[in-house]
Amino acid sequence: MHVRVAFLPKLDPQAAERVSSAGVRRQTNITCAEYQLPVSKRLSAPVFLLRRLPASPTVPVYGVFAQWGTLDASQRDRLKAEPKLVDELASVVDQLPGDTLGLGFDLRVVSCFWSEGATADEAVVVALKGELQGLVDALIRDFSVNQTR
């Protein structure tokens, strides 16, 4: 598993965070750790970045299931077209640390975006790796390019 620093758009920025006093548009990001687990096979699964939704988002978001969604309606629609995958994702996010910000898949890796609060100890990281591996296994099982669907 690889870890790198990542930046995700903030989903609930206040007006003062989005525009400077001079009227210049600002990019509001959250810095987090991206835990990446490589996917060893070519898959036909939809690319996604699920985000944990704040109580009151101030940017457009598109719900996929309770408290999780995307920033892109077409990405949400592609996910919703795969109910088995949505069920798997809902199961996985229930097992992730409470300060997880996102879960993604981009054809080469499955990623967990985590703010790594006080819970970032070795046991939690080992459990996280297990959850990501389970998702990789499910993606390979259900979306392997050689598999007939």
N, C-alpha and C. Protein backbone atom coordinates (compact mmCIF):
# COMPACT_ATOMS: atom_id res chain seq x y z
N MET A 1 0.85 -1.17 0.00
CA MET A 1 0.00 0.00 0.00
C MET A 1 0.90 1.23 0.00
N HIS A 2 0.52 2.22 -0.78
CA HIS A 2 1.27 3.47 -0.88
C HIS A 2 0.48 4.58 -0.19
N VAL A 3 1.19 5.54 0.36
CA VAL A 3 0.55 6.69 1.00
C VAL A 3 1.17 7.95 0.42
N ARG A 4 0.31 8.91 0.10
CA ARG A 4 0.80 10.21 -0.38
C ARG A 4 -0.11 11.30 0.13
N VAL A 5 0.37 12.52 0.08
CA VAL A 5 -0.44 13.67 0.46
C VAL A 5 -1.37 13.99 -0.71
N ALA A 6 -2.63 14.25 -0.39
CA ALA A 6 -3.62 14.56 -1.43
C ALA A 6 -4.41 15.79 -0.99
N PHE A 7 -5.08 16.39 -1.95
CA PHE A 7 -5.91 17.57 -1.70
C PHE A 7 -7.28 17.32 -2.32
N LEU A 8 -8.30 17.40 -1.50
CA LEU A 8 -9.67 17.23 -1.96
C LEU A 8 -10.42 18.54 -1.82
N PRO A 9 -11.29 18.86 -2.77
CA PRO A 9 -12.08 20.08 -2.64
C PRO A 9 -12.96 20.03 -1.39
N LYS A 10 -13.02 21.12 -0.68
CA LYS A 10 -13.87 21.23 0.49
C LYS A 10 -15.32 21.29 0.01
N LEU A 11 -16.20 20.54 0.66
CA LEU A 11 -17.59 20.47 0.23
C LEU A 11 -18.50 21.47 0.92
N ASP A 12 -17.99 22.11 1.96
CA ASP A 12 -18.82 23.09 2.67
C ASP A 12 -18.08 24.40 2.93
N PRO A 13 -17.39 24.94 1.91
CA PRO A 13 -16.69 26.21 2.15
C PRO A 13 -17.67 27.35 2.35
N GLN A 14 -17.30 28.26 3.22
CA GLN A 14 -18.10 29.46 3.43
C GLN A 14 -17.77 30.46 2.32
N ALA A 15 -18.61 31.43 2.13
CA ALA A 15 -18.43 32.42 1.06
C ALA A 15 -17.06 33.09 1.13
N ALA A 16 -16.61 33.44 2.34
CA ALA A 16 -15.31 34.12 2.50
C ALA A 16 -14.15 33.22 2.10
N GLU A 17 -14.34 31.91 2.17
CA GLU A 17 -13.29 30.98 1.77
C GLU A 17 -13.22 30.83 0.24
N ARG A 18 -14.34 31.05 -0.43
CA ARG A 18 -14.40 30.84 -1.88
C ARG A 18 -13.96 32.03 -2.71
N VAL A 19 -14.07 33.24 -2.13
CA VAL A 19 -13.73 34.46 -2.87
C VAL A 19 -12.94 35.38 -1.96
N SER A 20 -11.84 35.91 -2.48
CA SER A 20 -11.04 36.85 -1.67
C SER A 20 -11.75 38.20 -1.60
N SER A 21 -11.25 39.07 -0.75
CA SER A 21 -11.84 40.41 -0.62
C SER A 21 -11.70 41.21 -1.92
N ALA A 22 -10.76 40.82 -2.77
CA ALA A 22 -10.57 41.47 -4.06
C ALA A 22 -11.44 40.85 -5.15
N GLY A 23 -12.26 39.85 -4.78
CA GLY A 23 -13.15 39.22 -5.74
C GLY A 23 -12.51 38.09 -6.53
N VAL A 24 -11.32 37.65 -6.14
CA VAL A 24 -10.64 36.56 -6.84
C VAL A 24 -11.14 35.23 -6.27
N ARG A 25 -11.51 34.34 -7.18
CA ARG A 25 -12.00 33.03 -6.77
C ARG A 25 -10.87 32.20 -6.18
N ARG A 26 -11.13 31.58 -5.03
CA ARG A 26 -10.15 30.73 -4.36
C ARG A 26 -10.53 29.26 -4.49
N GLN A 27 -9.51 28.43 -4.50
CA GLN A 27 -9.72 26.99 -4.46
C GLN A 27 -9.67 26.57 -2.99
N THR A 28 -10.72 25.96 -2.49
CA THR A 28 -10.74 25.53 -1.09
C THR A 28 -10.51 24.02 -1.04
N ASN A 29 -9.40 23.62 -0.49
CA ASN A 29 -9.05 22.21 -0.42
C ASN A 29 -8.81 21.77 1.01
N ILE A 30 -8.96 20.48 1.21
CA ILE A 30 -8.62 19.83 2.47
C ILE A 30 -7.39 18.97 2.19
N THR A 31 -6.37 19.08 3.02
CA THR A 31 -5.19 18.24 2.90
C THR A 31 -5.45 16.95 3.67
N CYS A 32 -5.11 15.83 3.03
CA CYS A 32 -5.33 14.54 3.66
C CYS A 32 -4.29 13.54 3.17
N ALA A 33 -4.34 12.36 3.73
CA ALA A 33 -3.48 11.26 3.27
C ALA A 33 -4.30 10.40 2.32
N GLU A 34 -3.69 10.01 1.20
CA GLU A 34 -4.34 9.11 0.26
C GLU A 34 -3.64 7.76 0.36
N TYR A 35 -4.34 6.79 0.88
CA TYR A 35 -3.84 5.42 0.96
C TYR A 35 -4.26 4.71 -0.32
N GLN A 36 -3.28 4.24 -1.10
CA GLN A 36 -3.55 3.64 -2.40
C GLN A 36 -3.18 2.17 -2.39
N LEU A 37 -4.08 1.34 -2.92
CA LEU A 37 -3.80 -0.07 -3.11
C LEU A 37 -3.93 -0.37 -4.60
N PRO A 38 -2.85 -0.86 -5.22
CA PRO A 38 -2.89 -1.11 -6.66
C PRO A 38 -3.89 -2.21 -7.04
N VAL A 39 -4.44 -2.08 -8.23
CA VAL A 39 -5.32 -3.09 -8.81
C VAL A 39 -4.51 -3.80 -9.89
N SER A 40 -4.41 -5.11 -9.78
CA SER A 40 -3.49 -5.87 -10.64
C SER A 40 -4.09 -6.29 -11.98
N LYS A 41 -5.38 -6.10 -12.18
CA LYS A 41 -6.02 -6.54 -13.43
C LYS A 41 -6.72 -5.37 -14.09
N ARG A 42 -6.94 -5.52 -15.39
CA ARG A 42 -7.69 -4.52 -16.14
C ARG A 42 -9.18 -4.72 -15.86
N LEU A 43 -9.84 -3.64 -15.49
CA LEU A 43 -11.24 -3.72 -15.08
C LEU A 43 -12.13 -2.81 -15.91
N SER A 44 -13.41 -3.16 -15.96
CA SER A 44 -14.39 -2.32 -16.65
C SER A 44 -15.28 -1.57 -15.66
N ALA A 45 -14.88 -1.51 -14.42
CA ALA A 45 -15.67 -0.82 -13.39
C ALA A 45 -15.67 0.69 -13.64
N PRO A 46 -16.75 1.36 -13.24
CA PRO A 46 -16.77 2.82 -13.40
C PRO A 46 -15.77 3.49 -12.47
N VAL A 47 -15.10 4.50 -12.98
CA VAL A 47 -14.19 5.31 -12.18
C VAL A 47 -15.04 6.16 -11.24
N PHE A 48 -14.61 6.29 -9.99
CA PHE A 48 -15.40 7.09 -9.05
C PHE A 48 -14.51 7.70 -7.98
N LEU A 49 -15.04 8.77 -7.40
CA LEU A 49 -14.50 9.33 -6.17
C LEU A 49 -15.71 9.66 -5.30
N LEU A 50 -15.97 8.77 -4.36
CA LEU A 50 -17.04 9.00 -3.39
C LEU A 50 -16.52 9.91 -2.30
N ARG A 51 -17.34 10.83 -1.86
CA ARG A 51 -16.95 11.73 -0.78
C ARG A 51 -17.96 11.61 0.36
N ARG A 52 -17.43 11.65 1.59
CA ARG A 52 -18.32 11.73 2.75
C ARG A 52 -18.92 13.14 2.72
N LEU A 53 -20.23 13.22 2.75
CA LEU A 53 -20.90 14.51 2.61
C LEU A 53 -21.06 15.19 3.96
N PRO A 54 -20.75 16.49 4.02
CA PRO A 54 -20.98 17.24 5.26
C PRO A 54 -22.48 17.45 5.47
N ALA A 55 -22.84 17.85 6.68
CA ALA A 55 -24.26 18.07 7.00
C ALA A 55 -24.90 19.11 6.08
N SER A 56 -24.15 20.15 5.73
CA SER A 56 -24.69 21.23 4.89
C SER A 56 -23.69 21.59 3.79
N PRO A 57 -23.66 20.82 2.70
CA PRO A 57 -22.73 21.17 1.62
C PRO A 57 -23.10 22.53 1.01
N THR A 58 -22.07 23.27 0.61
CA THR A 58 -22.30 24.57 -0.04
C THR A 58 -21.87 24.53 -1.51
N VAL A 59 -21.53 23.36 -2.00
CA VAL A 59 -21.22 23.14 -3.41
C VAL A 59 -22.14 22.02 -3.90
N PRO A 60 -22.38 21.92 -5.20
CA PRO A 60 -23.26 20.85 -5.69
C PRO A 60 -22.66 19.47 -5.42
N VAL A 61 -23.46 18.60 -4.83
CA VAL A 61 -23.07 17.21 -4.60
C VAL A 61 -24.23 16.31 -5.02
N TYR A 62 -23.91 15.07 -5.35
CA TYR A 62 -24.90 14.14 -5.86
C TYR A 62 -24.83 12.86 -5.04
N GLY A 63 -25.85 12.62 -4.22
CA GLY A 63 -25.86 11.49 -3.30
C GLY A 63 -25.87 10.15 -4.00
N VAL A 64 -25.10 9.23 -3.47
CA VAL A 64 -25.09 7.85 -3.97
C VAL A 64 -25.78 6.95 -2.95
N PHE A 65 -25.44 7.10 -1.67
CA PHE A 65 -26.13 6.45 -0.57
C PHE A 65 -25.91 7.32 0.67
N ALA A 66 -26.50 6.94 1.79
CA ALA A 66 -26.51 7.78 2.99
C ALA A 66 -25.13 8.36 3.31
N GLN A 67 -25.05 9.67 3.36
CA GLN A 67 -23.89 10.45 3.75
C GLN A 67 -22.71 10.37 2.77
N TRP A 68 -22.89 9.78 1.62
CA TRP A 68 -21.81 9.66 0.64
C TRP A 68 -22.33 10.03 -0.73
N GLY A 69 -21.48 10.74 -1.51
CA GLY A 69 -21.88 11.13 -2.85
C GLY A 69 -20.68 11.54 -3.68
N THR A 70 -20.96 12.13 -4.83
CA THR A 70 -19.91 12.56 -5.75
C THR A 70 -20.10 14.04 -6.07
N LEU A 71 -19.10 14.61 -6.72
CA LEU A 71 -19.19 16.00 -7.18
C LEU A 71 -19.65 16.05 -8.64
N ASP A 72 -19.94 14.91 -9.22
CA ASP A 72 -20.23 14.81 -10.64
C ASP A 72 -21.49 13.94 -10.82
N ALA A 73 -22.53 14.51 -11.42
CA ALA A 73 -23.79 13.79 -11.60
C ALA A 73 -23.61 12.56 -12.49
N SER A 74 -22.80 12.66 -13.54
CA SER A 74 -22.63 11.51 -14.43
C SER A 74 -21.89 10.37 -13.72
N GLN A 75 -20.96 10.73 -12.84
CA GLN A 75 -20.26 9.70 -12.06
C GLN A 75 -21.26 9.00 -11.13
N ARG A 76 -22.13 9.78 -10.49
CA ARG A 76 -23.17 9.19 -9.65
C ARG A 76 -24.07 8.26 -10.46
N ASP A 77 -24.46 8.68 -11.66
CA ASP A 77 -25.34 7.88 -12.50
C ASP A 77 -24.67 6.57 -12.92
N ARG A 78 -23.37 6.62 -13.24
CA ARG A 78 -22.65 5.39 -13.61
C ARG A 78 -22.59 4.43 -12.43
N LEU A 79 -22.38 4.97 -11.23
CA LEU A 79 -22.37 4.11 -10.04
C LEU A 79 -23.75 3.50 -9.79
N LYS A 80 -24.79 4.33 -9.87
CA LYS A 80 -26.14 3.84 -9.61
C LYS A 80 -26.56 2.76 -10.62
N ALA A 81 -25.94 2.74 -11.79
CA ALA A 81 -26.23 1.71 -12.79
C ALA A 81 -25.62 0.36 -12.40
N GLU A 82 -24.81 0.36 -11.34
CA GLU A 82 -24.15 -0.87 -10.86
C GLU A 82 -24.55 -1.11 -9.40
N PRO A 83 -25.78 -1.57 -9.16
CA PRO A 83 -26.26 -1.70 -7.77
C PRO A 83 -25.41 -2.64 -6.91
N LYS A 84 -24.85 -3.66 -7.50
CA LYS A 84 -24.00 -4.57 -6.73
C LYS A 84 -22.75 -3.83 -6.22
N LEU A 85 -22.19 -2.98 -7.07
CA LEU A 85 -21.02 -2.18 -6.68
C LEU A 85 -21.41 -1.18 -5.59
N VAL A 86 -22.55 -0.53 -5.74
CA VAL A 86 -23.00 0.43 -4.73
C VAL A 86 -23.16 -0.27 -3.38
N ASP A 87 -23.74 -1.47 -3.38
CA ASP A 87 -23.88 -2.22 -2.13
C ASP A 87 -22.52 -2.53 -1.52
N GLU A 88 -21.56 -2.93 -2.35
CA GLU A 88 -20.20 -3.22 -1.87
C GLU A 88 -19.56 -1.97 -1.28
N LEU A 89 -19.71 -0.84 -1.97
CA LEU A 89 -19.13 0.41 -1.48
C LEU A 89 -19.76 0.83 -0.15
N ALA A 90 -21.08 0.68 -0.04
CA ALA A 90 -21.76 1.03 1.21
C ALA A 90 -21.24 0.17 2.36
N SER A 91 -20.98 -1.08 2.08
CA SER A 91 -20.44 -1.98 3.10
C SER A 91 -19.02 -1.58 3.49
N VAL A 92 -18.21 -1.22 2.51
CA VAL A 92 -16.81 -0.84 2.78
C VAL A 92 -16.75 0.45 3.59
N VAL A 93 -17.50 1.48 3.19
CA VAL A 93 -17.38 2.76 3.89
C VAL A 93 -17.83 2.66 5.35
N ASP A 94 -18.72 1.71 5.65
CA ASP A 94 -19.14 1.50 7.04
C ASP A 94 -17.98 1.03 7.91
N GLN A 95 -16.96 0.42 7.29
CA GLN A 95 -15.83 -0.13 8.03
C GLN A 95 -14.63 0.82 8.08
N LEU A 96 -14.69 1.92 7.35
CA LEU A 96 -13.56 2.85 7.29
C LEU A 96 -13.54 3.74 8.54
N PRO A 97 -12.37 4.30 8.87
CA PRO A 97 -12.30 5.22 10.02
C PRO A 97 -13.31 6.36 9.87
N GLY A 98 -13.81 6.85 10.98
CA GLY A 98 -14.82 7.90 10.97
C GLY A 98 -14.38 9.20 10.34
N ASP A 99 -13.06 9.43 10.27
CA ASP A 99 -12.57 10.67 9.66
C ASP A 99 -12.11 10.46 8.21
N THR A 100 -12.63 9.40 7.58
CA THR A 100 -12.37 9.17 6.16
C THR A 100 -13.13 10.21 5.35
N LEU A 101 -12.46 10.81 4.39
CA LEU A 101 -13.06 11.86 3.56
C LEU A 101 -13.58 11.34 2.23
N GLY A 102 -12.96 10.27 1.72
CA GLY A 102 -13.36 9.79 0.41
C GLY A 102 -12.84 8.39 0.13
N LEU A 103 -13.42 7.79 -0.91
CA LEU A 103 -13.03 6.46 -1.39
C LEU A 103 -13.08 6.53 -2.90
N GLY A 104 -12.01 6.12 -3.57
CA GLY A 104 -11.97 6.25 -5.02
C GLY A 104 -11.40 5.05 -5.74
N PHE A 105 -11.68 5.00 -7.04
CA PHE A 105 -11.13 3.98 -7.94
C PHE A 105 -10.85 4.67 -9.26
N ASP A 106 -9.62 4.49 -9.79
CA ASP A 106 -9.28 5.16 -11.06
C ASP A 106 -8.63 4.23 -12.08
N LEU A 107 -9.02 2.97 -12.11
CA LEU A 107 -8.56 1.93 -13.04
C LEU A 107 -7.22 1.31 -12.63
N ARG A 108 -6.38 2.01 -11.88
CA ARG A 108 -5.10 1.45 -11.46
C ARG A 108 -5.02 1.23 -9.97
N VAL A 109 -5.75 2.04 -9.20
CA VAL A 109 -5.68 1.95 -7.74
C VAL A 109 -7.05 2.21 -7.11
N VAL A 110 -7.22 1.61 -5.93
CA VAL A 110 -8.32 1.96 -5.05
C VAL A 110 -7.69 2.85 -3.99
N SER A 111 -8.35 3.96 -3.68
CA SER A 111 -7.79 4.93 -2.74
C SER A 111 -8.77 5.24 -1.62
N CYS A 112 -8.21 5.43 -0.44
CA CYS A 112 -8.96 5.94 0.69
C CYS A 112 -8.32 7.27 1.08
N PHE A 113 -9.13 8.31 1.12
CA PHE A 113 -8.65 9.65 1.50
C PHE A 113 -9.03 9.85 2.96
N TRP A 114 -8.02 10.04 3.79
CA TRP A 114 -8.22 9.99 5.23
C TRP A 114 -7.55 11.19 5.88
N SER A 115 -8.25 11.83 6.79
CA SER A 115 -7.66 12.98 7.48
C SER A 115 -6.72 12.57 8.60
N GLU A 116 -6.65 11.29 8.89
CA GLU A 116 -5.71 10.73 9.87
C GLU A 116 -5.71 11.47 11.20
N GLY A 117 -6.86 11.53 11.80
CA GLY A 117 -6.95 12.14 13.13
C GLY A 117 -6.26 11.27 14.16
N ALA A 118 -6.76 11.28 15.35
CA ALA A 118 -6.16 10.55 16.46
C ALA A 118 -6.19 9.03 16.25
N THR A 119 -6.96 8.56 15.25
CA THR A 119 -7.12 7.12 15.05
C THR A 119 -6.05 6.49 14.17
N ALA A 120 -5.06 7.23 13.74
CA ALA A 120 -4.09 6.72 12.77
C ALA A 120 -3.00 5.87 13.43
N ASP A 121 -3.40 4.75 14.03
CA ASP A 121 -2.39 3.86 14.58
C ASP A 121 -2.25 2.64 13.67
N GLU A 122 -1.29 1.80 13.96
CA GLU A 122 -0.97 0.68 13.07
C GLU A 122 -2.15 -0.27 12.87
N ALA A 123 -2.88 -0.56 13.93
CA ALA A 123 -4.01 -1.48 13.82
C ALA A 123 -5.09 -0.93 12.87
N VAL A 124 -5.32 0.37 12.92
CA VAL A 124 -6.32 0.98 12.05
C VAL A 124 -5.84 0.93 10.59
N VAL A 125 -4.56 1.17 10.37
CA VAL A 125 -4.02 1.12 9.01
C VAL A 125 -4.09 -0.31 8.46
N VAL A 126 -3.81 -1.30 9.28
CA VAL A 126 -3.91 -2.71 8.85
C VAL A 126 -5.36 -3.03 8.48
N ALA A 127 -6.31 -2.59 9.30
CA ALA A 127 -7.73 -2.81 9.00
C ALA A 127 -8.14 -2.09 7.72
N LEU A 128 -7.63 -0.87 7.53
CA LEU A 128 -7.92 -0.11 6.31
C LEU A 128 -7.42 -0.87 5.08
N LYS A 129 -6.21 -1.39 5.17
CA LYS A 129 -5.67 -2.15 4.05
C LYS A 129 -6.54 -3.36 3.74
N GLY A 130 -7.04 -4.01 4.79
CA GLY A 130 -7.93 -5.16 4.59
C GLY A 130 -9.22 -4.77 3.87
N GLU A 131 -9.79 -3.64 4.25
CA GLU A 131 -11.02 -3.18 3.59
C GLU A 131 -10.76 -2.83 2.12
N LEU A 132 -9.65 -2.14 1.86
CA LEU A 132 -9.31 -1.80 0.47
C LEU A 132 -9.04 -3.06 -0.35
N GLN A 133 -8.36 -4.04 0.25
CA GLN A 133 -8.10 -5.29 -0.47
C GLN A 133 -9.42 -6.01 -0.79
N GLY A 134 -10.35 -5.99 0.16
CA GLY A 134 -11.66 -6.59 -0.10
C GLY A 134 -12.38 -5.91 -1.25
N LEU A 135 -12.26 -4.58 -1.35
CA LEU A 135 -12.87 -3.85 -2.46
C LEU A 135 -12.17 -4.19 -3.77
N VAL A 136 -10.84 -4.26 -3.76
CA VAL A 136 -10.10 -4.65 -4.97
C VAL A 136 -10.56 -6.03 -5.41
N ASP A 137 -10.66 -6.98 -4.49
CA ASP A 137 -11.09 -8.34 -4.82
C ASP A 137 -12.49 -8.34 -5.43
N ALA A 138 -13.40 -7.55 -4.86
CA ALA A 138 -14.77 -7.48 -5.39
C ALA A 138 -14.78 -6.86 -6.79
N LEU A 139 -13.97 -5.82 -7.00
CA LEU A 139 -13.90 -5.20 -8.33
C LEU A 139 -13.36 -6.20 -9.35
N ILE A 140 -12.34 -6.95 -8.99
CA ILE A 140 -11.78 -7.95 -9.90
C ILE A 140 -12.82 -9.03 -10.18
N ARG A 141 -13.51 -9.48 -9.16
CA ARG A 141 -14.53 -10.53 -9.32
C ARG A 141 -15.64 -10.06 -10.26
N ASP A 142 -16.10 -8.82 -10.09
CA ASP A 142 -17.28 -8.36 -10.81
C ASP A 142 -17.00 -7.59 -12.10
N PHE A 143 -15.78 -7.08 -12.27
CA PHE A 143 -15.52 -6.20 -13.41
C PHE A 143 -14.27 -6.56 -14.20
N SER A 144 -13.75 -7.76 -14.03
CA SER A 144 -12.59 -8.17 -14.80
C SER A 144 -12.93 -8.09 -16.28
N VAL A 145 -12.05 -7.55 -17.08
CA VAL A 145 -12.32 -7.34 -18.51
C VAL A 145 -12.62 -8.65 -19.22
N ASN A 146 -12.02 -9.73 -18.79
CA ASN A 146 -12.23 -11.04 -19.44
C ASN A 146 -13.54 -11.70 -19.01
N GLN A 147 -14.19 -11.16 -18.00
CA GLN A 147 -15.41 -11.76 -17.48
C GLN A 147 -16.60 -11.35 -18.32
N THR A 148 -17.50 -12.29 -18.59
CA THR A 148 -18.74 -11.95 -19.28
C THR A 148 -19.77 -11.52 -18.25
N ARG A 149 -20.46 -10.44 -18.56
CA ARG A 149 -21.41 -9.89 -17.58
C ARG A 149 -22.82 -10.09 -18.05
